[in-house]
Amino acid sequence: ERNRIALELHDEPAQALLVICQRLDALAEREREHRDDELAGELRGVRESVVRTLTGLRRLSQGLRPRILDDHGLVAALEWLGDQIHDECGMKIQVEAEDLLKELPLNTQLLLFRVAQEAMRNVARHAGASRAVVSVRTDGRRLTMTITDDGRGFLVPPTLSDLAGSGRLGLAGMAERVRLLGGVLNIRSVLGKGSMVEVELPCTAVGDASSPASAAQSLAADAPALSAM
């Protein structure tokens, strides 16, 4: 469903915005011939607004299901995301992952990507960090992904609803999706010493992302842990 929505966002609204840009360019060219500088300036302003909207739409489409995830897998998608955030805010992001990630079901890869995406966006917006590390590993029983940063940290609220109220609504939603695969999402932070978001999934969920009931037998689906490090 996410793939379908992403394609529709790219194909119809994006193409319509491109046509609007072309028509604005044609109108601006005609106005230059009549030397109406004020109107030409307004047309340029409208065009810039359309371009910003188009850029945001493309970012939304990529965020729903980036093509690189389907074509090259989770590690490449995480590295692409890290490069994007570095270009936007200068924060350096290091990705550490194992080769087995190529064998993960696409649904599991998408879940891990979305959690990492939400966590890194929160770091970029709130943490004032210079560096973050995304690590994905397994011990044969469970798969663990952590996102750590060297930012200012924050006071971790006691419940997920409080977390949503602090501007981190996306992570609260991700925690529920992780729970449906029999996993847990933990958030830890210390003021002045950075934060960590951790996802743990049982290997049964990694092997069969469509079977959350059996996954829950391997790793208890407790409420997400919110605590100081």
N, C-alpha and C. Protein backbone atom coordinates (compact mmCIF):
# COMPACT_ATOMS: atom_id res chain seq x y z
N GLU A 1 0.83 -1.20 0.00
CA GLU A 1 0.00 0.00 0.00
C GLU A 1 0.87 1.26 0.00
N ARG A 2 1.94 1.24 0.82
CA ARG A 2 2.86 2.39 0.83
C ARG A 2 3.51 2.58 -0.53
N ASN A 3 3.87 1.46 -1.16
CA ASN A 3 4.49 1.54 -2.48
C ASN A 3 3.53 2.15 -3.48
N ARG A 4 2.25 1.74 -3.42
CA ARG A 4 1.25 2.27 -4.35
C ARG A 4 1.06 3.77 -4.14
N ILE A 5 0.95 4.19 -2.86
CA ILE A 5 0.76 5.62 -2.57
C ILE A 5 1.97 6.43 -3.03
N ALA A 6 3.16 5.89 -2.78
CA ALA A 6 4.38 6.60 -3.19
C ALA A 6 4.41 6.80 -4.70
N LEU A 7 4.03 5.76 -5.45
CA LEU A 7 4.03 5.87 -6.91
C LEU A 7 2.98 6.87 -7.38
N GLU A 8 1.80 6.86 -6.74
CA GLU A 8 0.75 7.79 -7.15
C GLU A 8 1.14 9.23 -6.85
N LEU A 9 1.79 9.46 -5.71
CA LEU A 9 2.26 10.80 -5.39
C LEU A 9 3.26 11.28 -6.43
N HIS A 10 4.11 10.36 -6.87
CA HIS A 10 5.14 10.73 -7.84
C HIS A 10 4.54 10.95 -9.22
N ASP A 11 3.59 10.10 -9.61
CA ASP A 11 3.12 10.12 -10.99
C ASP A 11 2.12 11.25 -11.28
N GLU A 12 1.12 11.43 -10.43
CA GLU A 12 0.06 12.38 -10.77
C GLU A 12 0.31 13.79 -10.22
N PRO A 13 0.35 14.00 -8.89
CA PRO A 13 0.56 15.37 -8.41
C PRO A 13 1.90 15.96 -8.86
N ALA A 14 2.95 15.15 -8.86
CA ALA A 14 4.27 15.67 -9.24
C ALA A 14 4.27 16.11 -10.70
N GLN A 15 3.67 15.31 -11.57
CA GLN A 15 3.62 15.68 -12.98
C GLN A 15 2.77 16.94 -13.19
N ALA A 16 1.68 17.06 -12.43
CA ALA A 16 0.84 18.25 -12.54
C ALA A 16 1.61 19.50 -12.13
N LEU A 17 2.40 19.40 -11.07
CA LEU A 17 3.20 20.55 -10.62
C LEU A 17 4.26 20.93 -11.66
N LEU A 18 4.83 19.93 -12.32
CA LEU A 18 5.80 20.23 -13.37
C LEU A 18 5.15 20.99 -14.52
N VAL A 19 3.93 20.61 -14.89
CA VAL A 19 3.21 21.32 -15.95
C VAL A 19 2.94 22.76 -15.53
N ILE A 20 2.57 22.97 -14.26
CA ILE A 20 2.33 24.33 -13.76
C ILE A 20 3.61 25.17 -13.86
N CYS A 21 4.74 24.58 -13.51
CA CYS A 21 6.02 25.29 -13.62
C CYS A 21 6.29 25.71 -15.06
N GLN A 22 6.03 24.81 -15.99
CA GLN A 22 6.27 25.12 -17.40
C GLN A 22 5.37 26.26 -17.87
N ARG A 23 4.11 26.26 -17.43
CA ARG A 23 3.19 27.33 -17.82
C ARG A 23 3.60 28.66 -17.19
N LEU A 24 4.07 28.62 -15.95
CA LEU A 24 4.55 29.84 -15.31
C LEU A 24 5.77 30.40 -16.04
N ASP A 25 6.65 29.51 -16.49
CA ASP A 25 7.82 29.95 -17.25
C ASP A 25 7.38 30.65 -18.54
N ALA A 26 6.37 30.08 -19.21
CA ALA A 26 5.88 30.68 -20.46
C ALA A 26 5.26 32.05 -20.19
N LEU A 27 4.49 32.17 -19.10
CA LEU A 27 3.88 33.46 -18.76
C LEU A 27 4.95 34.50 -18.40
N ALA A 28 5.96 34.06 -17.66
CA ALA A 28 7.03 34.99 -17.28
C ALA A 28 7.76 35.49 -18.51
N GLU A 29 7.96 34.62 -19.49
CA GLU A 29 8.63 35.03 -20.73
C GLU A 29 7.80 36.08 -21.47
N ARG A 30 6.48 35.88 -21.51
CA ARG A 30 5.60 36.85 -22.17
C ARG A 30 5.62 38.19 -21.45
N GLU A 31 5.66 38.16 -20.12
CA GLU A 31 5.66 39.40 -19.36
C GLU A 31 6.97 40.17 -19.53
N ARG A 32 8.07 39.43 -19.72
CA ARG A 32 9.34 40.12 -19.96
C ARG A 32 9.29 40.93 -21.25
N GLU A 33 8.54 40.42 -22.24
CA GLU A 33 8.39 41.15 -23.49
C GLU A 33 7.62 42.45 -23.28
N HIS A 34 6.70 42.46 -22.31
CA HIS A 34 5.91 43.67 -22.03
C HIS A 34 6.56 44.53 -20.94
N ARG A 35 7.70 44.07 -20.42
CA ARG A 35 8.48 44.82 -19.43
C ARG A 35 7.67 45.16 -18.17
N ASP A 36 6.82 44.23 -17.75
CA ASP A 36 6.08 44.41 -16.50
C ASP A 36 6.87 43.71 -15.40
N ASP A 37 7.84 44.42 -14.84
CA ASP A 37 8.75 43.81 -13.87
C ASP A 37 8.04 43.33 -12.61
N GLU A 38 7.04 44.08 -12.17
CA GLU A 38 6.33 43.70 -10.94
C GLU A 38 5.61 42.38 -11.11
N LEU A 39 4.88 42.23 -12.22
CA LEU A 39 4.16 40.99 -12.46
C LEU A 39 5.13 39.83 -12.68
N ALA A 40 6.22 40.09 -13.38
CA ALA A 40 7.22 39.04 -13.60
C ALA A 40 7.79 38.55 -12.26
N GLY A 41 8.00 39.48 -11.33
CA GLY A 41 8.49 39.10 -10.01
C GLY A 41 7.50 38.24 -9.26
N GLU A 42 6.21 38.58 -9.37
CA GLU A 42 5.18 37.77 -8.71
C GLU A 42 5.12 36.37 -9.31
N LEU A 43 5.27 36.27 -10.62
CA LEU A 43 5.26 34.96 -11.27
C LEU A 43 6.45 34.12 -10.81
N ARG A 44 7.60 34.76 -10.65
CA ARG A 44 8.77 34.03 -10.15
C ARG A 44 8.52 33.51 -8.74
N GLY A 45 7.86 34.34 -7.92
CA GLY A 45 7.55 33.92 -6.56
C GLY A 45 6.62 32.72 -6.52
N VAL A 46 5.60 32.75 -7.40
CA VAL A 46 4.67 31.61 -7.47
C VAL A 46 5.41 30.36 -7.93
N ARG A 47 6.29 30.52 -8.92
CA ARG A 47 7.04 29.36 -9.41
C ARG A 47 7.92 28.77 -8.31
N GLU A 48 8.56 29.62 -7.52
CA GLU A 48 9.40 29.13 -6.43
C GLU A 48 8.57 28.35 -5.41
N SER A 49 7.34 28.82 -5.15
CA SER A 49 6.46 28.09 -4.22
C SER A 49 6.10 26.72 -4.77
N VAL A 50 5.83 26.66 -6.08
CA VAL A 50 5.50 25.38 -6.70
C VAL A 50 6.69 24.43 -6.63
N VAL A 51 7.89 24.94 -6.88
CA VAL A 51 9.09 24.10 -6.83
C VAL A 51 9.31 23.56 -5.42
N ARG A 52 9.09 24.40 -4.40
CA ARG A 52 9.23 23.93 -3.02
C ARG A 52 8.22 22.83 -2.71
N THR A 53 6.99 23.02 -3.20
CA THR A 53 5.97 22.00 -2.99
C THR A 53 6.34 20.70 -3.69
N LEU A 54 6.86 20.80 -4.90
CA LEU A 54 7.27 19.62 -5.65
C LEU A 54 8.41 18.89 -4.94
N THR A 55 9.36 19.64 -4.41
CA THR A 55 10.48 19.04 -3.68
C THR A 55 9.98 18.30 -2.45
N GLY A 56 9.04 18.93 -1.71
CA GLY A 56 8.48 18.28 -0.54
C GLY A 56 7.70 17.03 -0.90
N LEU A 57 6.98 17.07 -2.02
CA LEU A 57 6.21 15.91 -2.47
C LEU A 57 7.13 14.76 -2.83
N ARG A 58 8.22 15.06 -3.51
CA ARG A 58 9.18 14.01 -3.86
C ARG A 58 9.82 13.42 -2.61
N ARG A 59 10.11 14.28 -1.62
CA ARG A 59 10.69 13.78 -0.37
C ARG A 59 9.70 12.87 0.35
N LEU A 60 8.42 13.26 0.34
CA LEU A 60 7.38 12.43 0.97
C LEU A 60 7.27 11.09 0.26
N SER A 61 7.29 11.11 -1.07
CA SER A 61 7.19 9.87 -1.84
C SER A 61 8.36 8.95 -1.53
N GLN A 62 9.57 9.52 -1.49
CA GLN A 62 10.75 8.72 -1.17
C GLN A 62 10.69 8.19 0.26
N GLY A 63 10.14 9.02 1.17
CA GLY A 63 10.07 8.60 2.56
C GLY A 63 9.12 7.45 2.79
N LEU A 64 8.02 7.39 2.01
CA LEU A 64 7.07 6.30 2.17
C LEU A 64 7.70 4.96 1.80
N ARG A 65 8.40 4.92 0.71
CA ARG A 65 9.11 3.70 0.32
C ARG A 65 10.17 4.07 -0.71
N PRO A 66 11.39 4.36 -0.27
CA PRO A 66 12.43 4.77 -1.20
C PRO A 66 12.78 3.65 -2.17
N ARG A 67 12.94 4.00 -3.43
CA ARG A 67 13.24 3.00 -4.45
C ARG A 67 14.53 2.25 -4.14
N ILE A 68 15.49 2.94 -3.54
CA ILE A 68 16.78 2.30 -3.24
C ILE A 68 16.61 1.13 -2.28
N LEU A 69 15.57 1.17 -1.44
CA LEU A 69 15.32 0.06 -0.52
C LEU A 69 14.94 -1.20 -1.29
N ASP A 70 14.08 -1.06 -2.29
CA ASP A 70 13.68 -2.20 -3.11
C ASP A 70 14.82 -2.68 -4.00
N ASP A 71 15.60 -1.74 -4.54
CA ASP A 71 16.63 -2.10 -5.52
C ASP A 71 17.92 -2.62 -4.88
N HIS A 72 18.31 -2.05 -3.73
CA HIS A 72 19.63 -2.37 -3.18
C HIS A 72 19.61 -2.80 -1.71
N GLY A 73 18.46 -2.76 -1.05
CA GLY A 73 18.38 -3.28 0.30
C GLY A 73 18.55 -2.23 1.39
N LEU A 74 18.45 -2.70 2.64
CA LEU A 74 18.38 -1.82 3.80
C LEU A 74 19.67 -1.02 4.02
N VAL A 75 20.83 -1.66 3.90
CA VAL A 75 22.08 -0.96 4.19
C VAL A 75 22.26 0.23 3.25
N ALA A 76 22.04 0.00 1.95
CA ALA A 76 22.17 1.09 0.98
C ALA A 76 21.16 2.19 1.27
N ALA A 77 19.93 1.81 1.67
CA ALA A 77 18.90 2.81 1.97
C ALA A 77 19.28 3.64 3.20
N LEU A 78 19.85 2.99 4.22
CA LEU A 78 20.28 3.73 5.42
C LEU A 78 21.43 4.68 5.09
N GLU A 79 22.35 4.24 4.24
CA GLU A 79 23.46 5.10 3.85
C GLU A 79 22.96 6.29 3.03
N TRP A 80 21.99 6.03 2.15
CA TRP A 80 21.38 7.11 1.36
C TRP A 80 20.70 8.12 2.28
N LEU A 81 19.97 7.61 3.28
CA LEU A 81 19.30 8.49 4.23
C LEU A 81 20.32 9.32 5.01
N GLY A 82 21.40 8.68 5.44
CA GLY A 82 22.45 9.40 6.15
C GLY A 82 23.05 10.51 5.31
N ASP A 83 23.28 10.24 4.03
CA ASP A 83 23.82 11.27 3.13
C ASP A 83 22.85 12.43 2.99
N GLN A 84 21.55 12.11 2.89
CA GLN A 84 20.53 13.16 2.77
C GLN A 84 20.55 14.08 3.98
N ILE A 85 20.56 13.49 5.17
CA ILE A 85 20.52 14.29 6.40
C ILE A 85 21.82 15.09 6.54
N HIS A 86 22.95 14.50 6.16
CA HIS A 86 24.22 15.22 6.21
C HIS A 86 24.17 16.45 5.31
N ASP A 87 23.61 16.28 4.11
CA ASP A 87 23.51 17.41 3.18
C ASP A 87 22.59 18.50 3.73
N GLU A 88 21.56 18.10 4.47
CA GLU A 88 20.59 19.07 4.98
C GLU A 88 21.10 19.84 6.19
N CYS A 89 21.79 19.16 7.11
CA CYS A 89 22.15 19.83 8.37
C CYS A 89 23.60 19.67 8.78
N GLY A 90 24.39 18.90 8.02
CA GLY A 90 25.81 18.76 8.32
C GLY A 90 26.14 17.68 9.34
N MET A 91 25.14 16.99 9.88
CA MET A 91 25.40 15.95 10.87
C MET A 91 25.96 14.70 10.18
N LYS A 92 27.05 14.17 10.70
CA LYS A 92 27.67 12.97 10.14
C LYS A 92 26.96 11.73 10.67
N ILE A 93 26.61 10.81 9.77
CA ILE A 93 25.92 9.58 10.16
C ILE A 93 26.70 8.38 9.66
N GLN A 94 27.02 7.48 10.58
CA GLN A 94 27.76 6.26 10.26
C GLN A 94 26.81 5.07 10.33
N VAL A 95 26.86 4.20 9.33
CA VAL A 95 26.01 3.01 9.29
C VAL A 95 26.89 1.78 9.48
N GLU A 96 26.54 0.96 10.47
CA GLU A 96 27.25 -0.29 10.74
C GLU A 96 26.24 -1.43 10.66
N ALA A 97 26.40 -2.33 9.69
CA ALA A 97 25.41 -3.38 9.51
C ALA A 97 26.07 -4.65 9.00
N GLU A 98 25.37 -5.77 9.18
CA GLU A 98 25.88 -7.07 8.77
C GLU A 98 25.29 -7.49 7.43
N ASP A 99 26.00 -8.39 6.74
CA ASP A 99 25.59 -8.82 5.41
C ASP A 99 24.22 -9.50 5.39
N LEU A 100 23.83 -10.11 6.51
CA LEU A 100 22.58 -10.87 6.54
C LEU A 100 21.36 -10.00 6.24
N LEU A 101 21.51 -8.68 6.32
CA LEU A 101 20.36 -7.80 6.11
C LEU A 101 19.79 -7.93 4.71
N LYS A 102 20.60 -8.40 3.76
CA LYS A 102 20.11 -8.59 2.40
C LYS A 102 19.00 -9.65 2.36
N GLU A 103 18.98 -10.54 3.35
CA GLU A 103 18.02 -11.64 3.35
C GLU A 103 16.75 -11.32 4.13
N LEU A 104 16.66 -10.14 4.71
CA LEU A 104 15.47 -9.79 5.49
C LEU A 104 14.26 -9.61 4.57
N PRO A 105 13.07 -9.99 5.03
CA PRO A 105 11.85 -9.69 4.26
C PRO A 105 11.72 -8.19 4.04
N LEU A 106 11.13 -7.81 2.92
CA LEU A 106 11.02 -6.38 2.59
C LEU A 106 10.22 -5.62 3.65
N ASN A 107 9.19 -6.26 4.22
CA ASN A 107 8.40 -5.58 5.25
C ASN A 107 9.25 -5.25 6.47
N THR A 108 10.14 -6.18 6.84
CA THR A 108 11.01 -5.94 7.98
C THR A 108 12.03 -4.85 7.66
N GLN A 109 12.59 -4.89 6.45
CA GLN A 109 13.52 -3.85 6.04
C GLN A 109 12.86 -2.47 6.06
N LEU A 110 11.61 -2.41 5.57
CA LEU A 110 10.90 -1.13 5.55
C LEU A 110 10.65 -0.63 6.96
N LEU A 111 10.26 -1.53 7.87
CA LEU A 111 10.03 -1.13 9.26
C LEU A 111 11.31 -0.55 9.88
N LEU A 112 12.43 -1.25 9.71
CA LEU A 112 13.69 -0.78 10.28
C LEU A 112 14.11 0.55 9.65
N PHE A 113 13.90 0.68 8.35
CA PHE A 113 14.24 1.94 7.68
C PHE A 113 13.41 3.09 8.24
N ARG A 114 12.10 2.87 8.42
CA ARG A 114 11.23 3.94 8.89
C ARG A 114 11.57 4.35 10.32
N VAL A 115 11.91 3.38 11.18
CA VAL A 115 12.31 3.72 12.54
C VAL A 115 13.60 4.55 12.52
N ALA A 116 14.58 4.10 11.72
CA ALA A 116 15.84 4.85 11.62
C ALA A 116 15.59 6.24 11.05
N GLN A 117 14.73 6.33 10.06
CA GLN A 117 14.41 7.62 9.45
C GLN A 117 13.80 8.58 10.48
N GLU A 118 12.83 8.09 11.24
CA GLU A 118 12.17 8.94 12.23
C GLU A 118 13.14 9.35 13.33
N ALA A 119 13.96 8.39 13.78
CA ALA A 119 14.92 8.69 14.85
C ALA A 119 15.95 9.71 14.39
N MET A 120 16.48 9.54 13.17
CA MET A 120 17.51 10.46 12.69
C MET A 120 16.94 11.84 12.41
N ARG A 121 15.70 11.90 11.92
CA ARG A 121 15.06 13.20 11.72
C ARG A 121 14.87 13.92 13.05
N ASN A 122 14.48 13.17 14.08
CA ASN A 122 14.33 13.78 15.41
C ASN A 122 15.67 14.30 15.92
N VAL A 123 16.73 13.52 15.72
CA VAL A 123 18.06 13.96 16.14
C VAL A 123 18.43 15.26 15.41
N ALA A 124 18.21 15.28 14.10
CA ALA A 124 18.56 16.46 13.31
C ALA A 124 17.77 17.69 13.76
N ARG A 125 16.49 17.49 14.14
CA ARG A 125 15.64 18.62 14.52
C ARG A 125 15.89 19.10 15.94
N HIS A 126 16.14 18.16 16.87
CA HIS A 126 16.09 18.52 18.29
C HIS A 126 17.40 18.40 19.05
N ALA A 127 18.33 17.54 18.59
CA ALA A 127 19.43 17.14 19.47
C ALA A 127 20.65 18.05 19.42
N GLY A 128 20.83 18.80 18.35
CA GLY A 128 22.04 19.58 18.21
C GLY A 128 23.28 18.71 18.14
N ALA A 129 23.14 17.52 17.55
CA ALA A 129 24.24 16.55 17.49
C ALA A 129 25.14 16.81 16.29
N SER A 130 26.40 16.39 16.41
CA SER A 130 27.33 16.46 15.29
C SER A 130 27.50 15.10 14.63
N ARG A 131 27.09 14.03 15.33
CA ARG A 131 27.33 12.68 14.82
C ARG A 131 26.27 11.72 15.34
N ALA A 132 25.89 10.77 14.50
CA ALA A 132 24.98 9.70 14.90
C ALA A 132 25.47 8.40 14.27
N VAL A 133 25.17 7.29 14.93
CA VAL A 133 25.57 5.97 14.45
C VAL A 133 24.33 5.08 14.39
N VAL A 134 24.14 4.43 13.24
CA VAL A 134 23.08 3.44 13.08
C VAL A 134 23.74 2.08 13.01
N SER A 135 23.39 1.21 13.94
CA SER A 135 24.00 -0.12 14.01
C SER A 135 22.91 -1.19 13.94
N VAL A 136 23.10 -2.19 13.08
CA VAL A 136 22.15 -3.30 12.97
C VAL A 136 22.95 -4.60 13.10
N ARG A 137 22.55 -5.45 14.05
CA ARG A 137 23.29 -6.68 14.30
C ARG A 137 22.33 -7.77 14.78
N THR A 138 22.83 -9.01 14.82
CA THR A 138 22.02 -10.12 15.32
C THR A 138 22.90 -11.07 16.12
N ASP A 139 22.29 -11.72 17.10
CA ASP A 139 23.01 -12.73 17.87
C ASP A 139 22.45 -14.13 17.60
N GLY A 140 21.65 -14.25 16.55
CA GLY A 140 21.05 -15.54 16.21
C GLY A 140 19.67 -15.74 16.79
N ARG A 141 19.36 -15.02 17.88
CA ARG A 141 18.04 -15.13 18.50
C ARG A 141 17.19 -13.90 18.23
N ARG A 142 17.84 -12.76 18.17
CA ARG A 142 17.12 -11.53 17.91
C ARG A 142 17.96 -10.58 17.06
N LEU A 143 17.29 -9.71 16.36
CA LEU A 143 17.96 -8.67 15.57
C LEU A 143 17.78 -7.34 16.30
N THR A 144 18.87 -6.59 16.41
CA THR A 144 18.84 -5.33 17.15
C THR A 144 19.35 -4.20 16.27
N MET A 145 18.61 -3.11 16.23
CA MET A 145 19.06 -1.89 15.57
C MET A 145 19.09 -0.77 16.60
N THR A 146 20.20 -0.04 16.66
CA THR A 146 20.31 1.10 17.55
C THR A 146 20.68 2.34 16.76
N ILE A 147 20.13 3.47 17.17
CA ILE A 147 20.49 4.77 16.61
C ILE A 147 20.94 5.62 17.80
N THR A 148 22.23 5.94 17.85
CA THR A 148 22.77 6.73 18.96
C THR A 148 23.30 8.06 18.42
N ASP A 149 23.31 9.08 19.28
CA ASP A 149 23.82 10.38 18.87
C ASP A 149 24.57 11.03 20.01
N ASP A 150 25.36 12.05 19.68
CA ASP A 150 26.15 12.76 20.69
C ASP A 150 25.54 14.13 21.01
N GLY A 151 24.22 14.21 20.91
CA GLY A 151 23.54 15.49 21.11
C GLY A 151 23.31 15.83 22.56
N ARG A 152 22.40 16.79 22.78
CA ARG A 152 22.19 17.33 24.12
C ARG A 152 21.35 16.43 25.00
N GLY A 153 20.69 15.41 24.43
CA GLY A 153 19.84 14.54 25.22
C GLY A 153 18.55 15.23 25.63
N PHE A 154 17.67 14.48 26.27
CA PHE A 154 16.40 15.06 26.72
C PHE A 154 15.85 14.22 27.87
N LEU A 155 14.91 14.81 28.59
CA LEU A 155 14.25 14.08 29.67
C LEU A 155 13.23 13.13 29.06
N VAL A 156 13.45 11.85 29.23
CA VAL A 156 12.57 10.85 28.61
C VAL A 156 11.26 10.78 29.39
N PRO A 157 10.12 10.99 28.71
CA PRO A 157 8.83 10.93 29.41
C PRO A 157 8.49 9.50 29.82
N PRO A 158 7.60 9.34 30.79
CA PRO A 158 7.29 8.00 31.30
C PRO A 158 6.43 7.15 30.38
N THR A 159 5.68 7.76 29.47
CA THR A 159 4.78 6.98 28.62
C THR A 159 4.90 7.42 27.17
N LEU A 160 4.40 6.56 26.27
CA LEU A 160 4.42 6.88 24.85
C LEU A 160 3.56 8.09 24.52
N SER A 161 2.44 8.25 25.21
CA SER A 161 1.58 9.40 24.93
C SER A 161 2.31 10.70 25.26
N ASP A 162 3.12 10.68 26.33
CA ASP A 162 3.92 11.86 26.66
C ASP A 162 5.00 12.09 25.61
N LEU A 163 5.54 11.00 25.06
CA LEU A 163 6.54 11.12 24.01
C LEU A 163 5.94 11.80 22.79
N ALA A 164 4.71 11.42 22.44
CA ALA A 164 4.04 12.05 21.30
C ALA A 164 3.82 13.53 21.56
N GLY A 165 3.49 13.87 22.80
CA GLY A 165 3.25 15.26 23.14
C GLY A 165 4.49 16.12 23.10
N SER A 166 5.68 15.49 23.15
CA SER A 166 6.93 16.24 23.14
C SER A 166 7.45 16.49 21.73
N GLY A 167 6.63 16.18 20.71
CA GLY A 167 7.05 16.43 19.33
C GLY A 167 7.66 15.22 18.66
N ARG A 168 7.60 14.05 19.30
CA ARG A 168 8.17 12.83 18.74
C ARG A 168 7.06 11.81 18.46
N LEU A 169 5.98 12.29 17.86
CA LEU A 169 4.82 11.46 17.58
C LEU A 169 5.17 10.28 16.68
N GLY A 170 6.09 10.50 15.72
CA GLY A 170 6.44 9.44 14.78
C GLY A 170 7.03 8.22 15.48
N LEU A 171 7.87 8.45 16.49
CA LEU A 171 8.46 7.32 17.20
C LEU A 171 7.41 6.53 17.97
N ALA A 172 6.40 7.22 18.48
CA ALA A 172 5.32 6.51 19.17
C ALA A 172 4.61 5.57 18.21
N GLY A 173 4.37 6.03 16.98
CA GLY A 173 3.74 5.17 15.97
C GLY A 173 4.63 4.01 15.57
N MET A 174 5.94 4.27 15.47
CA MET A 174 6.88 3.20 15.12
C MET A 174 6.90 2.12 16.20
N ALA A 175 6.79 2.53 17.46
CA ALA A 175 6.80 1.55 18.56
C ALA A 175 5.66 0.55 18.41
N GLU A 176 4.50 1.03 18.00
CA GLU A 176 3.35 0.14 17.81
C GLU A 176 3.60 -0.83 16.66
N ARG A 177 4.22 -0.37 15.59
CA ARG A 177 4.50 -1.26 14.46
C ARG A 177 5.52 -2.32 14.84
N VAL A 178 6.51 -1.92 15.63
CA VAL A 178 7.49 -2.89 16.11
C VAL A 178 6.81 -3.93 16.99
N ARG A 179 5.90 -3.49 17.84
CA ARG A 179 5.20 -4.41 18.75
C ARG A 179 4.41 -5.45 17.97
N LEU A 180 3.82 -5.06 16.84
CA LEU A 180 3.03 -5.99 16.04
C LEU A 180 3.88 -7.11 15.44
N LEU A 181 5.19 -6.91 15.36
CA LEU A 181 6.10 -7.97 14.91
C LEU A 181 6.71 -8.72 16.09
N GLY A 182 6.16 -8.50 17.29
CA GLY A 182 6.67 -9.20 18.46
C GLY A 182 7.92 -8.58 19.04
N GLY A 183 8.24 -7.35 18.65
CA GLY A 183 9.46 -6.70 19.11
C GLY A 183 9.18 -5.59 20.10
N VAL A 184 10.25 -4.91 20.48
CA VAL A 184 10.14 -3.78 21.40
C VAL A 184 10.99 -2.63 20.88
N LEU A 185 10.57 -1.41 21.20
CA LEU A 185 11.34 -0.21 20.90
C LEU A 185 11.68 0.47 22.21
N ASN A 186 12.96 0.67 22.46
CA ASN A 186 13.44 1.29 23.69
C ASN A 186 14.04 2.66 23.38
N ILE A 187 13.79 3.62 24.25
CA ILE A 187 14.36 4.96 24.10
C ILE A 187 15.05 5.33 25.40
N ARG A 188 16.32 5.69 25.30
CA ARG A 188 17.09 6.08 26.49
C ARG A 188 17.83 7.37 26.19
N SER A 189 17.97 8.22 27.21
CA SER A 189 18.66 9.48 27.00
C SER A 189 19.16 10.03 28.33
N VAL A 190 20.26 10.78 28.27
CA VAL A 190 20.81 11.48 29.42
C VAL A 190 21.11 12.91 28.98
N LEU A 191 20.68 13.88 29.75
CA LEU A 191 20.94 15.27 29.41
C LEU A 191 22.43 15.51 29.26
N GLY A 192 22.82 16.08 28.14
CA GLY A 192 24.22 16.39 27.88
C GLY A 192 25.04 15.23 27.36
N LYS A 193 24.43 14.03 27.25
CA LYS A 193 25.20 12.86 26.83
C LYS A 193 24.55 12.10 25.68
N GLY A 194 23.59 12.70 25.01
CA GLY A 194 23.02 12.06 23.84
C GLY A 194 21.87 11.12 24.15
N SER A 195 21.43 10.43 23.10
CA SER A 195 20.26 9.56 23.20
C SER A 195 20.49 8.27 22.43
N MET A 196 19.63 7.28 22.69
CA MET A 196 19.66 6.03 21.95
C MET A 196 18.24 5.54 21.71
N VAL A 197 17.95 5.19 20.47
CA VAL A 197 16.71 4.50 20.12
C VAL A 197 17.10 3.09 19.71
N GLU A 198 16.46 2.10 20.31
CA GLU A 198 16.82 0.70 20.06
C GLU A 198 15.58 -0.10 19.69
N VAL A 199 15.71 -0.89 18.62
CA VAL A 199 14.64 -1.80 18.20
C VAL A 199 15.16 -3.22 18.33
N GLU A 200 14.37 -4.08 18.97
CA GLU A 200 14.70 -5.50 19.05
C GLU A 200 13.58 -6.30 18.42
N LEU A 201 13.94 -7.16 17.47
CA LEU A 201 12.98 -8.05 16.82
C LEU A 201 13.43 -9.49 16.98
N PRO A 202 12.52 -10.40 17.28
CA PRO A 202 12.90 -11.82 17.34
C PRO A 202 13.22 -12.33 15.94
N CYS A 203 14.12 -13.29 15.85
CA CYS A 203 14.50 -13.82 14.53
C CYS A 203 13.33 -14.50 13.84
N THR A 204 12.31 -14.93 14.59
CA THR A 204 11.13 -15.48 13.93
C THR A 204 10.43 -14.40 13.12
N ALA A 205 10.43 -13.16 13.62
CA ALA A 205 9.83 -12.06 12.86
C ALA A 205 10.70 -11.71 11.67
N VAL A 206 12.02 -11.80 11.84
CA VAL A 206 12.94 -11.52 10.74
C VAL A 206 12.78 -12.54 9.64
N GLY A 207 12.51 -13.80 10.04
CA GLY A 207 12.37 -14.84 9.03
C GLY A 207 11.00 -14.87 8.40
N ASP A 208 9.97 -14.39 9.13
CA ASP A 208 8.60 -14.42 8.61
C ASP A 208 7.87 -13.20 9.12
N ALA A 209 8.02 -12.08 8.40
CA ALA A 209 7.45 -10.81 8.85
C ALA A 209 5.93 -10.83 8.84
N SER A 210 5.33 -11.84 8.24
CA SER A 210 3.87 -11.88 8.17
C SER A 210 3.25 -12.62 9.34
N SER A 211 4.07 -13.06 10.30
CA SER A 211 3.55 -13.88 11.39
C SER A 211 3.88 -13.28 12.74
N PRO A 212 3.22 -12.17 13.14
CA PRO A 212 3.51 -11.54 14.41
C PRO A 212 3.14 -12.42 15.60
N ALA A 213 2.17 -13.30 15.45
CA ALA A 213 1.77 -14.12 16.58
C ALA A 213 2.89 -15.06 16.99
N SER A 214 3.52 -15.74 16.00
CA SER A 214 4.61 -16.64 16.34
C SER A 214 5.82 -15.86 16.80
N ALA A 215 6.00 -14.65 16.28
CA ALA A 215 7.14 -13.83 16.69
C ALA A 215 7.04 -13.48 18.16
N ALA A 216 5.84 -13.23 18.62
CA ALA A 216 5.67 -12.81 20.01
C ALA A 216 6.07 -13.90 20.98
N GLN A 217 6.06 -15.18 20.54
CA GLN A 217 6.46 -16.26 21.43
C GLN A 217 7.96 -16.24 21.69
N SER A 218 8.74 -15.66 20.75
CA SER A 218 10.19 -15.65 20.91
C SER A 218 10.67 -14.48 21.74
N LEU A 219 10.00 -13.34 21.62
CA LEU A 219 10.42 -12.15 22.37
C LEU A 219 9.16 -11.45 22.84
N ALA A 220 8.97 -11.34 24.13
CA ALA A 220 7.73 -10.78 24.67
C ALA A 220 7.51 -9.37 24.16
N ALA A 221 6.29 -9.10 23.74
CA ALA A 221 5.96 -7.78 23.20
C ALA A 221 5.55 -6.86 24.33
N ASP A 222 6.51 -6.53 25.19
CA ASP A 222 6.23 -5.64 26.31
C ASP A 222 6.03 -4.22 25.81
N ALA A 223 5.53 -3.36 26.69
CA ALA A 223 5.41 -1.95 26.34
C ALA A 223 6.80 -1.38 26.10
N PRO A 224 6.96 -0.44 25.15
CA PRO A 224 8.27 0.14 24.87
C PRO A 224 8.89 0.74 26.12
N ALA A 225 10.19 0.54 26.27
CA ALA A 225 10.89 1.05 27.44
C ALA A 225 11.34 2.47 27.20
N LEU A 226 10.99 3.37 28.11
CA LEU A 226 11.41 4.76 28.04
C LEU A 226 12.18 5.04 29.32
N SER A 227 13.47 5.32 29.21
CA SER A 227 14.25 5.48 30.43
C SER A 227 15.49 6.31 30.19
N ALA A 228 16.09 6.74 31.28
CA ALA A 228 17.39 7.41 31.20
C ALA A 228 18.48 6.36 31.05
N MET A 229 19.56 6.72 30.35
CA MET A 229 20.66 5.78 30.16
C MET A 229 21.51 5.71 31.42
